[in-house]
């Protein structure tokens, strides 16, 4: 498996937490020292482990935000 690194630049929101302490979070994350993107995924309490998630560019996040506001 290829090695990667990440930095949580900004913690925006915690959407839920399960009994084991894993939390579904919306964050700004820089992957492999690239510009940060919006990231929605499950994280272990110490942010050392993560589940599968979705990463969105600023443009994709704007479309999602607009779509949700119309619902």
N, C-alpha and C. Protein backbone atom coordinates (compact mmCIF):
# COMPACT_ATOMS: atom_id res chain seq x y z
N UNK A 1 0.84 -1.18 0.00
CA UNK A 1 0.00 0.00 0.00
C UNK A 1 0.89 1.24 0.00
N UNK A 2 0.55 2.21 -0.80
CA UNK A 2 1.31 3.45 -0.89
C UNK A 2 1.17 4.24 0.40
N UNK A 3 2.26 4.87 0.82
CA UNK A 3 2.24 5.66 2.02
C UNK A 3 1.68 7.05 1.73
N UNK A 4 0.96 7.61 2.66
CA UNK A 4 0.41 8.95 2.50
C UNK A 4 0.44 9.65 3.85
N UNK A 5 0.30 10.97 3.81
CA UNK A 5 0.21 11.71 5.05
C UNK A 5 -0.95 12.69 4.96
N UNK A 6 -1.37 13.14 6.11
CA UNK A 6 -2.50 14.07 6.16
C UNK A 6 -2.33 15.01 7.34
N UNK A 7 -2.97 16.16 7.21
CA UNK A 7 -3.03 17.12 8.30
C UNK A 7 -4.44 17.68 8.35
N UNK A 8 -5.08 17.56 9.50
CA UNK A 8 -6.39 18.17 9.69
C UNK A 8 -6.14 19.65 9.96
N UNK A 9 -6.46 20.48 8.96
CA UNK A 9 -6.20 21.91 9.03
C UNK A 9 -7.25 22.61 9.88
N UNK A 10 -8.50 22.17 9.76
CA UNK A 10 -9.59 22.78 10.53
C UNK A 10 -10.66 21.73 10.81
N UNK A 11 -11.05 21.61 12.06
CA UNK A 11 -12.16 20.74 12.45
C UNK A 11 -13.43 21.58 12.38
N UNK A 12 -14.32 21.23 11.45
CA UNK A 12 -15.51 22.05 11.21
C UNK A 12 -16.70 21.58 12.04
N UNK A 13 -17.00 20.26 12.00
CA UNK A 13 -18.18 19.77 12.72
C UNK A 13 -18.06 18.29 13.01
N UNK A 14 -18.63 17.89 14.14
CA UNK A 14 -18.80 16.48 14.47
C UNK A 14 -20.28 16.18 14.25
N UNK A 15 -20.58 15.25 13.33
CA UNK A 15 -21.97 14.95 13.00
C UNK A 15 -22.56 13.87 13.90
N UNK A 16 -21.72 12.92 14.34
CA UNK A 16 -22.19 11.87 15.23
C UNK A 16 -21.01 11.17 15.87
N UNK A 17 -21.29 10.39 16.91
CA UNK A 17 -20.25 9.60 17.58
C UNK A 17 -20.85 8.25 17.96
N UNK A 18 -20.10 7.17 17.69
CA UNK A 18 -20.61 5.84 18.04
C UNK A 18 -20.10 5.43 19.42
N UNK A 19 -20.63 4.34 19.97
CA UNK A 19 -20.23 3.93 21.33
C UNK A 19 -18.73 3.65 21.50
N UNK A 20 -18.03 3.34 20.44
CA UNK A 20 -16.59 3.08 20.53
C UNK A 20 -15.76 4.37 20.45
N UNK A 21 -16.41 5.52 20.29
CA UNK A 21 -15.72 6.80 20.27
C UNK A 21 -15.38 7.32 18.88
N UNK A 22 -15.64 6.50 17.84
CA UNK A 22 -15.39 6.98 16.47
C UNK A 22 -16.42 8.06 16.15
N UNK A 23 -15.95 9.12 15.47
CA UNK A 23 -16.84 10.23 15.16
C UNK A 23 -16.87 10.49 13.66
N UNK A 24 -18.06 10.78 13.16
CA UNK A 24 -18.22 11.21 11.76
C UNK A 24 -18.01 12.72 11.77
N UNK A 25 -16.97 13.17 11.05
CA UNK A 25 -16.56 14.57 11.11
C UNK A 25 -16.47 15.19 9.72
N UNK A 26 -16.76 16.49 9.69
CA UNK A 26 -16.48 17.31 8.52
C UNK A 26 -15.28 18.18 8.87
N UNK A 27 -14.20 18.02 8.11
CA UNK A 27 -12.96 18.73 8.36
C UNK A 27 -12.38 19.27 7.07
N UNK A 28 -11.45 20.21 7.20
CA UNK A 28 -10.58 20.59 6.09
C UNK A 28 -9.29 19.81 6.28
N UNK A 29 -8.94 18.97 5.28
CA UNK A 29 -7.79 18.09 5.41
C UNK A 29 -6.85 18.29 4.23
N UNK A 30 -5.57 18.40 4.54
CA UNK A 30 -4.53 18.44 3.51
C UNK A 30 -3.97 17.03 3.38
N UNK A 31 -4.13 16.44 2.20
CA UNK A 31 -3.62 15.09 1.93
C UNK A 31 -2.32 15.22 1.15
N UNK A 32 -1.28 14.56 1.63
CA UNK A 32 0.03 14.55 0.96
C UNK A 32 0.53 15.96 0.66
N UNK A 33 0.36 16.86 1.64
CA UNK A 33 0.85 18.23 1.57
C UNK A 33 0.25 19.04 0.42
N UNK A 34 -0.92 18.64 -0.04
CA UNK A 34 -1.63 19.40 -1.07
C UNK A 34 -2.58 20.38 -0.40
N UNK A 35 -3.16 21.31 -1.18
CA UNK A 35 -4.12 22.26 -0.58
C UNK A 35 -5.27 21.51 0.10
N UNK A 36 -5.75 22.02 1.23
CA UNK A 36 -6.81 21.32 1.97
C UNK A 36 -8.12 21.25 1.19
N UNK A 37 -8.84 20.16 1.44
CA UNK A 37 -10.16 19.95 0.85
C UNK A 37 -11.13 19.59 1.96
N UNK A 38 -12.42 19.79 1.68
CA UNK A 38 -13.45 19.38 2.62
C UNK A 38 -13.48 17.86 2.65
N UNK A 39 -13.57 17.29 3.85
CA UNK A 39 -13.47 15.85 4.01
C UNK A 39 -14.52 15.38 5.01
N UNK A 40 -15.30 14.39 4.63
CA UNK A 40 -16.34 13.83 5.49
C UNK A 40 -16.04 12.35 5.66
N UNK A 41 -15.74 11.92 6.92
CA UNK A 41 -15.43 10.52 7.17
C UNK A 41 -15.47 10.23 8.67
N UNK A 42 -15.40 8.94 9.00
CA UNK A 42 -15.30 8.51 10.39
C UNK A 42 -13.84 8.54 10.82
N UNK A 43 -13.60 9.02 12.05
CA UNK A 43 -12.26 9.09 12.62
C UNK A 43 -12.25 8.43 13.99
N UNK A 44 -11.14 7.74 14.29
CA UNK A 44 -10.92 7.21 15.63
C UNK A 44 -10.73 8.40 16.58
N UNK A 45 -10.88 8.17 17.89
CA UNK A 45 -10.79 9.28 18.84
C UNK A 45 -9.49 10.08 18.74
N UNK A 46 -8.39 9.47 18.42
CA UNK A 46 -7.10 10.17 18.37
C UNK A 46 -6.71 10.63 16.97
N UNK A 47 -7.61 10.47 16.00
CA UNK A 47 -7.37 10.82 14.59
C UNK A 47 -6.22 10.02 13.98
N UNK A 48 -5.85 8.89 14.60
CA UNK A 48 -4.78 8.05 14.05
C UNK A 48 -5.32 7.05 13.02
N UNK A 49 -6.59 6.71 13.13
CA UNK A 49 -7.22 5.79 12.18
C UNK A 49 -8.44 6.48 11.59
N UNK A 50 -8.79 6.07 10.36
CA UNK A 50 -9.93 6.68 9.69
C UNK A 50 -10.68 5.64 8.89
N UNK A 51 -11.95 5.91 8.65
CA UNK A 51 -12.75 5.07 7.77
C UNK A 51 -12.77 5.66 6.37
N UNK A 52 -13.48 4.98 5.49
CA UNK A 52 -13.63 5.51 4.13
C UNK A 52 -14.45 6.79 4.20
N UNK A 53 -14.16 7.69 3.27
CA UNK A 53 -14.85 8.96 3.30
C UNK A 53 -14.96 9.59 1.93
N UNK A 54 -15.40 10.83 1.94
CA UNK A 54 -15.58 11.60 0.71
C UNK A 54 -14.80 12.90 0.87
N UNK A 55 -14.02 13.25 -0.15
CA UNK A 55 -13.27 14.49 -0.18
C UNK A 55 -13.82 15.36 -1.29
N UNK A 56 -14.08 16.64 -0.98
CA UNK A 56 -14.69 17.55 -1.93
C UNK A 56 -13.83 18.80 -2.12
N UNK A 57 -13.69 19.24 -3.36
CA UNK A 57 -13.03 20.51 -3.64
C UNK A 57 -13.95 21.64 -3.18
N UNK A 58 -13.44 22.87 -3.18
CA UNK A 58 -14.27 24.02 -2.82
C UNK A 58 -15.48 24.14 -3.73
N UNK A 59 -15.27 23.89 -5.02
CA UNK A 59 -16.37 23.99 -5.99
C UNK A 59 -17.42 22.91 -5.73
N UNK A 60 -16.98 21.69 -5.49
CA UNK A 60 -17.93 20.60 -5.20
C UNK A 60 -18.68 20.86 -3.91
N UNK A 61 -17.99 21.38 -2.90
CA UNK A 61 -18.65 21.69 -1.64
C UNK A 61 -19.69 22.79 -1.82
N UNK A 62 -19.40 23.78 -2.65
CA UNK A 62 -20.36 24.86 -2.91
C UNK A 62 -21.62 24.32 -3.57
N UNK A 63 -21.47 23.41 -4.51
CA UNK A 63 -22.63 22.79 -5.17
C UNK A 63 -23.44 21.99 -4.16
N UNK A 64 -22.76 21.22 -3.31
CA UNK A 64 -23.46 20.44 -2.30
C UNK A 64 -24.20 21.35 -1.34
N UNK A 65 -23.56 22.41 -0.88
CA UNK A 65 -24.18 23.37 0.04
C UNK A 65 -25.43 23.99 -0.59
N UNK A 66 -25.33 24.40 -1.85
CA UNK A 66 -26.46 25.00 -2.53
C UNK A 66 -27.60 23.99 -2.68
N UNK A 67 -27.27 22.76 -3.04
CA UNK A 67 -28.29 21.71 -3.19
C UNK A 67 -28.99 21.44 -1.89
N UNK A 68 -28.23 21.33 -0.79
CA UNK A 68 -28.84 21.07 0.51
C UNK A 68 -29.71 22.22 0.97
N UNK A 69 -29.32 23.45 0.67
CA UNK A 69 -30.12 24.60 1.09
C UNK A 69 -31.47 24.67 0.38
N UNK A 70 -31.57 24.03 -0.79
CA UNK A 70 -32.82 24.02 -1.55
C UNK A 70 -33.76 22.90 -1.11
N UNK A 71 -33.28 22.01 -0.28
CA UNK A 71 -34.12 20.87 0.13
C UNK A 71 -35.15 21.28 1.18
